[in-house]
């Protein structure tokens, strides 16, 4: 077999291997879709389902009230400042003391004073909270490791703070946040009051339009109690003629008599 025959034989083998197998015919007729039939339930089961649905109407008023007090565990956050165990009379006395000290004017200054009081009230809780946290962590550590009870108190406290460092750090972060808030609001209040007082002082120093139109009064009267001095009066009389002097004297006497008569009638 020569070279040409071998090539022809290889070509024929390739054609034979590449022929795809026969594919059976596919029936393109679609089968009808059977509708799903919803299972029927009895009237008793339907009534039971409706009764169960009435039981799931959401949280009750008692649940709302309970969850609203979640922020009152420490009293450091949340809108409610007073805890159920706080002294309301002492809180009111603090509010009155701060109002008398700052003397707020207007809604902005009043709101800032109230916020400063609330922040101060929360800050006063930290010594008690830290002491309570230390006592709680001490009991937890001694329950887990009773052998630590023999350690000196300072050593045990240091071990507690190291073991529960995250709790004490969170408490310190809350305290620092409130301190910064009080400082910021106190500064804002003092700035508002300084601006208001400066505006009031400027309004009082500025003359009114009616007063500004008036001529300036004489700064000081003469020693004799009149606007003109005695020498000025003498010079004026000396410059008058005898007839004018007599006329002036008559007018003065008439005015004096009329004033005396008016005074007696009033009396």
Protein backbone atom coordinates (compact mmCIF):
# COMPACT_ATOMS: atom_id res chain seq x y z
CA UNK A 1 0.00 0.00 0.00
CA UNK A 2 1.48 3.27 -1.13
CA UNK A 3 1.24 6.63 0.51
CA UNK A 4 -1.88 7.75 -1.39
CA UNK A 5 -3.80 4.63 -0.46
CA UNK A 6 -2.94 5.02 3.21
CA UNK A 7 -4.27 8.62 3.18
CA UNK A 8 -7.53 7.54 1.53
CA UNK A 9 -8.02 4.81 4.13
CA UNK A 10 -7.42 7.22 7.05
CA UNK A 11 -9.87 9.74 5.58
CA UNK A 12 -12.53 7.06 5.26
CA UNK A 13 -12.06 6.01 8.90
CA UNK A 14 -12.44 9.60 10.12
CA UNK A 15 -15.70 10.02 8.25
CA UNK A 16 -17.02 6.82 9.73
CA UNK A 17 -16.20 7.80 13.35
CA UNK A 18 -17.67 11.32 13.03
CA UNK A 19 -21.14 10.14 11.97
CA UNK A 20 -23.56 11.00 14.79
CA UNK A 21 -25.80 8.30 16.17
CA UNK A 22 -29.37 8.29 15.16
CA UNK A 23 -31.64 10.39 17.40
CA UNK A 24 -35.10 9.11 18.05
CA UNK A 25 -37.93 11.34 16.98
CA UNK A 26 -39.37 13.59 19.65
CA UNK A 27 -43.08 13.90 20.02
CA UNK A 28 -43.84 17.65 20.05
CA UNK A 29 -47.36 17.19 21.24
CA UNK A 30 -47.71 18.92 24.63
CA UNK A 31 -49.37 17.01 27.37
CA UNK A 32 -52.29 18.73 29.04
CA UNK A 33 -51.44 20.40 32.37
CA UNK A 34 -53.50 19.15 35.22
CA UNK A 35 -54.72 21.97 37.53
CA UNK A 36 -53.79 21.66 41.19
CA UNK A 37 -56.75 21.07 43.35
CA UNK A 38 -56.71 22.95 46.66
CA UNK A 39 -57.42 20.59 49.49
CA UNK A 40 -60.65 21.28 51.24
CA UNK A 41 -60.71 21.79 55.05
CA UNK A 42 -63.58 21.27 57.37
CA UNK A 43 -65.61 24.03 58.96
CA UNK A 44 -64.21 23.11 62.38
CA UNK A 45 -60.62 23.48 61.14
CA UNK A 46 -61.47 26.82 59.51
CA UNK A 47 -62.98 28.14 62.77
CA UNK A 48 -59.91 26.98 64.70
CA UNK A 49 -57.58 28.79 62.25
CA UNK A 50 -59.55 32.00 62.63
CA UNK A 51 -59.44 31.75 66.43
CA UNK A 52 -55.66 31.24 66.37
CA UNK A 53 -55.24 34.27 64.11
CA UNK A 54 -56.97 36.47 66.70
CA UNK A 55 -54.37 35.49 69.25
CA UNK A 56 -51.50 36.96 67.13
CA UNK A 57 -52.40 40.67 67.17
CA UNK A 58 -48.93 42.04 68.00
CA UNK A 59 -47.37 43.08 71.31
CA UNK A 60 -49.69 44.19 74.06
CA UNK A 61 -49.62 47.52 75.91
CA UNK A 62 -47.83 45.84 78.81
CA UNK A 63 -45.13 44.58 76.45
CA UNK A 64 -44.67 48.07 75.00
CA UNK A 65 -44.30 49.52 78.49
CA UNK A 66 -41.80 46.84 79.47
CA UNK A 67 -39.61 47.32 76.39
CA UNK A 68 -39.72 51.10 76.77
CA UNK A 69 -37.83 50.69 80.05
CA UNK A 70 -34.92 48.82 78.48
CA UNK A 71 -32.82 52.01 78.54
CA UNK A 72 -33.40 52.46 82.28
CA UNK A 73 -30.95 49.80 83.41
CA UNK A 74 -28.36 52.46 84.28
CA UNK A 75 -30.19 55.70 83.46
CA UNK A 76 -27.24 56.96 81.41
CA UNK A 77 -29.04 56.92 78.07
CA UNK A 78 -32.60 57.25 76.87
CA UNK A 79 -35.11 60.06 77.06
CA UNK A 80 -36.29 59.34 80.61
CA UNK A 81 -33.96 60.95 83.13
CA UNK A 82 -35.51 59.90 86.43
CA UNK A 83 -35.40 56.24 87.41
CA UNK A 84 -38.26 54.78 89.46
CA UNK A 85 -36.04 54.80 92.57
CA UNK A 86 -34.76 58.40 92.10
CA UNK A 87 -35.69 61.27 94.41
CA UNK A 88 -37.99 63.51 92.35
CA UNK A 89 -37.91 66.30 94.97
CA UNK A 90 -34.12 66.40 94.86
CA UNK A 91 -34.22 66.58 91.06
CA UNK A 92 -36.69 69.48 91.12
CA UNK A 93 -34.50 71.29 93.64
CA UNK A 94 -31.51 70.91 91.29
CA UNK A 95 -33.53 72.29 88.37
CA UNK A 96 -34.55 75.32 90.44
CA UNK A 97 -30.98 75.90 91.60
CA UNK A 98 -29.61 75.88 88.04
CA UNK A 99 -32.38 78.20 86.81
CA UNK A 100 -31.64 80.69 89.58
CA UNK A 101 -27.93 80.53 88.78
CA UNK A 102 -28.11 80.95 84.99
CA UNK A 103 -31.38 82.98 84.79
CA UNK A 104 -32.31 81.70 81.31
CA UNK A 105 -34.32 83.93 78.98
CA UNK A 106 -36.24 82.46 76.05
CA UNK A 107 -36.80 78.87 74.93
CA UNK A 108 -33.22 78.22 73.72
CA UNK A 109 -31.55 79.19 77.00
CA UNK A 110 -34.23 77.37 79.03
CA UNK A 111 -33.75 74.16 77.02
CA UNK A 112 -29.98 74.33 77.44
CA UNK A 113 -30.30 74.78 81.21
CA UNK A 114 -32.66 71.80 81.40
CA UNK A 115 -30.26 69.64 79.36
CA UNK A 116 -27.34 70.66 81.59
CA UNK A 117 -29.35 69.66 84.67
CA UNK A 118 -30.23 66.27 83.15
CA UNK A 119 -26.60 65.63 82.26
CA UNK A 120 -25.46 66.58 85.74
CA UNK A 121 -28.08 64.22 87.22
CA UNK A 122 -26.79 61.35 85.10
CA UNK A 123 -23.17 62.08 85.96
CA UNK A 124 -23.98 61.83 89.66
CA UNK A 125 -24.88 58.16 89.11
CA UNK A 126 -21.40 57.06 88.05
CA UNK A 127 -19.81 56.54 91.50
CA UNK A 128 -22.69 54.28 92.52
CA UNK A 129 -22.69 52.44 89.21
CA UNK A 130 -18.96 51.79 89.34
CA UNK A 131 -19.23 50.52 92.91
CA UNK A 132 -22.14 48.23 91.98
CA UNK A 133 -20.27 46.91 88.93
CA UNK A 134 -17.18 46.21 91.03
CA UNK A 135 -19.24 44.30 93.60
CA UNK A 136 -21.02 42.28 90.90
CA UNK A 137 -17.77 41.32 89.16
CA UNK A 138 -16.21 40.39 92.50
CA UNK A 139 -19.01 37.93 93.24
CA UNK A 140 -18.76 36.43 89.76
CA UNK A 141 -15.01 35.94 90.06
CA UNK A 142 -15.20 34.41 93.51
CA UNK A 143 -17.89 32.00 92.34
CA UNK A 144 -15.68 30.93 89.43
CA UNK A 145 -12.42 30.89 91.45
CA UNK A 146 -13.02 30.74 95.24
CA UNK A 147 -9.29 30.67 95.86
CA UNK A 148 -9.02 34.39 94.98
CA UNK A 149 -10.84 35.32 98.18
CA UNK A 150 -7.53 35.20 100.08
CA UNK A 151 -5.92 37.93 97.92
CA UNK A 152 -5.55 41.42 99.39
CA UNK A 153 -8.38 43.81 98.48
CA UNK A 154 -6.28 46.02 96.13
CA UNK A 155 -4.92 42.96 94.31
CA UNK A 156 -8.40 41.46 93.98
CA UNK A 157 -9.81 44.73 92.65
CA UNK A 158 -7.04 44.94 90.07
CA UNK A 159 -7.73 41.37 88.98
CA UNK A 160 -11.45 42.19 88.69
CA UNK A 161 -10.79 45.26 86.56
CA UNK A 162 -8.46 43.32 84.28
CA UNK A 163 -10.89 40.43 83.93
CA UNK A 164 -13.90 42.69 83.23
CA UNK A 165 -11.97 45.49 81.55
CA UNK A 166 -14.56 45.92 78.77
CA UNK A 167 -17.40 46.62 81.21
CA UNK A 168 -15.42 49.27 83.10
CA UNK A 169 -14.19 50.82 79.84
CA UNK A 170 -17.75 51.17 78.55
CA UNK A 171 -18.77 52.86 81.78
CA UNK A 172 -15.87 55.32 81.50
CA UNK A 173 -16.78 56.06 77.87
CA UNK A 174 -20.32 56.92 78.89
CA UNK A 175 -19.04 59.24 81.60
CA UNK A 176 -16.65 61.04 79.24
CA UNK A 177 -19.44 61.47 76.69
CA UNK A 178 -21.69 63.14 79.25
CA UNK A 179 -18.87 65.36 80.51
CA UNK A 180 -18.17 66.62 76.99
CA UNK A 181 -21.86 67.22 76.42
CA UNK A 182 -22.17 69.28 79.60
CA UNK A 183 -19.13 71.37 78.71
CA UNK A 184 -20.40 71.98 75.16
CA UNK A 185 -23.88 73.01 76.29
CA UNK A 186 -22.56 75.24 79.08
CA UNK A 187 -20.33 77.05 76.59
CA UNK A 188 -23.22 77.47 74.15
CA UNK A 189 -25.47 78.84 76.94
CA UNK A 190 -22.89 81.40 78.05
CA UNK A 191 -22.36 82.54 74.46
CA UNK A 192 -26.11 83.02 73.94
CA UNK A 193 -26.42 84.99 77.16
CA UNK A 194 -23.41 87.16 76.29
CA UNK A 195 -24.94 88.02 72.91
CA UNK A 196 -28.31 88.81 74.49
CA UNK A 197 -26.81 91.03 77.21
CA UNK A 198 -24.70 92.91 74.65
CA UNK A 199 -27.80 93.54 72.52
CA UNK A 200 -29.75 94.76 75.56
CA UNK A 201 -26.94 97.11 76.58
CA UNK A 202 -26.71 98.53 73.05
CA UNK A 203 -30.46 99.12 72.97
CA UNK A 204 -30.39 101.02 76.26
CA UNK A 205 -27.40 103.18 75.29
CA UNK A 206 -28.90 104.25 71.94
CA UNK A 207 -31.03 107.44 72.36
CA UNK A 208 -34.64 107.41 71.36
CA UNK A 209 -35.68 109.46 68.28
CA UNK A 210 -37.76 111.92 70.37
CA UNK A 211 -34.95 112.46 72.83
CA UNK A 212 -32.39 112.93 70.07
CA UNK A 213 -34.48 115.76 68.54
CA UNK A 214 -34.50 117.76 71.77
CA UNK A 215 -31.80 120.44 72.22
CA UNK A 216 -29.09 119.74 74.74
CA UNK A 217 -30.03 121.19 78.16
CA UNK A 218 -27.80 123.63 80.04
CA UNK A 219 -25.09 121.64 81.75
CA UNK A 220 -25.15 123.63 85.04
CA UNK A 221 -27.15 126.54 86.46
CA UNK A 222 -25.63 129.81 87.66
CA UNK A 223 -24.69 130.15 91.35
CA UNK A 224 -27.82 132.26 92.02
CA UNK A 225 -30.11 129.40 90.92
CA UNK A 226 -31.07 130.93 87.58
CA UNK A 227 -29.89 130.24 84.08
CA UNK A 228 -28.25 133.71 83.88
CA UNK A 229 -25.76 135.00 86.43
CA UNK A 230 -26.35 138.12 88.58
CA UNK A 231 -23.86 140.18 86.57
CA UNK A 232 -25.61 139.25 83.31
CA UNK A 233 -28.96 140.33 84.78
CA UNK A 234 -27.48 143.64 86.05
CA UNK A 235 -25.96 144.37 82.65
CA UNK A 236 -29.29 143.67 80.97
CA UNK A 237 -31.20 146.01 83.31
CA UNK A 238 -28.59 148.75 82.95
CA UNK A 239 -28.97 148.66 79.20
CA UNK A 240 -32.73 149.29 79.44
CA UNK A 241 -34.24 152.76 79.35
CA UNK A 242 -36.11 153.99 82.44
CA UNK A 243 -39.46 153.39 80.68
CA UNK A 244 -38.50 149.83 79.79
CA UNK A 245 -37.26 149.22 83.33
CA UNK A 246 -40.61 150.40 84.73
CA UNK A 247 -42.53 148.19 82.26
CA UNK A 248 -40.41 145.15 83.13
CA UNK A 249 -40.90 145.76 86.88
CA UNK A 250 -44.68 145.98 86.41
CA UNK A 251 -44.74 142.69 84.47
CA UNK A 252 -42.65 140.96 87.09
CA UNK A 253 -44.87 142.16 89.96
CA UNK A 254 -48.02 141.15 88.09
CA UNK A 255 -46.67 137.66 87.36
CA UNK A 256 -45.57 137.24 90.97
CA UNK A 257 -48.98 138.26 92.32
CA UNK A 258 -50.77 135.95 89.88
CA UNK A 259 -48.58 133.02 90.91
CA UNK A 260 -49.24 133.69 94.61
CA UNK A 261 -53.01 133.90 94.03
CA UNK A 262 -52.96 130.64 92.08
CA UNK A 263 -51.07 128.90 94.91
CA UNK A 264 -53.62 130.12 97.53
CA UNK A 265 -56.54 128.94 95.38
CA UNK A 266 -54.96 125.50 95.00
CA UNK A 267 -54.36 125.27 98.75
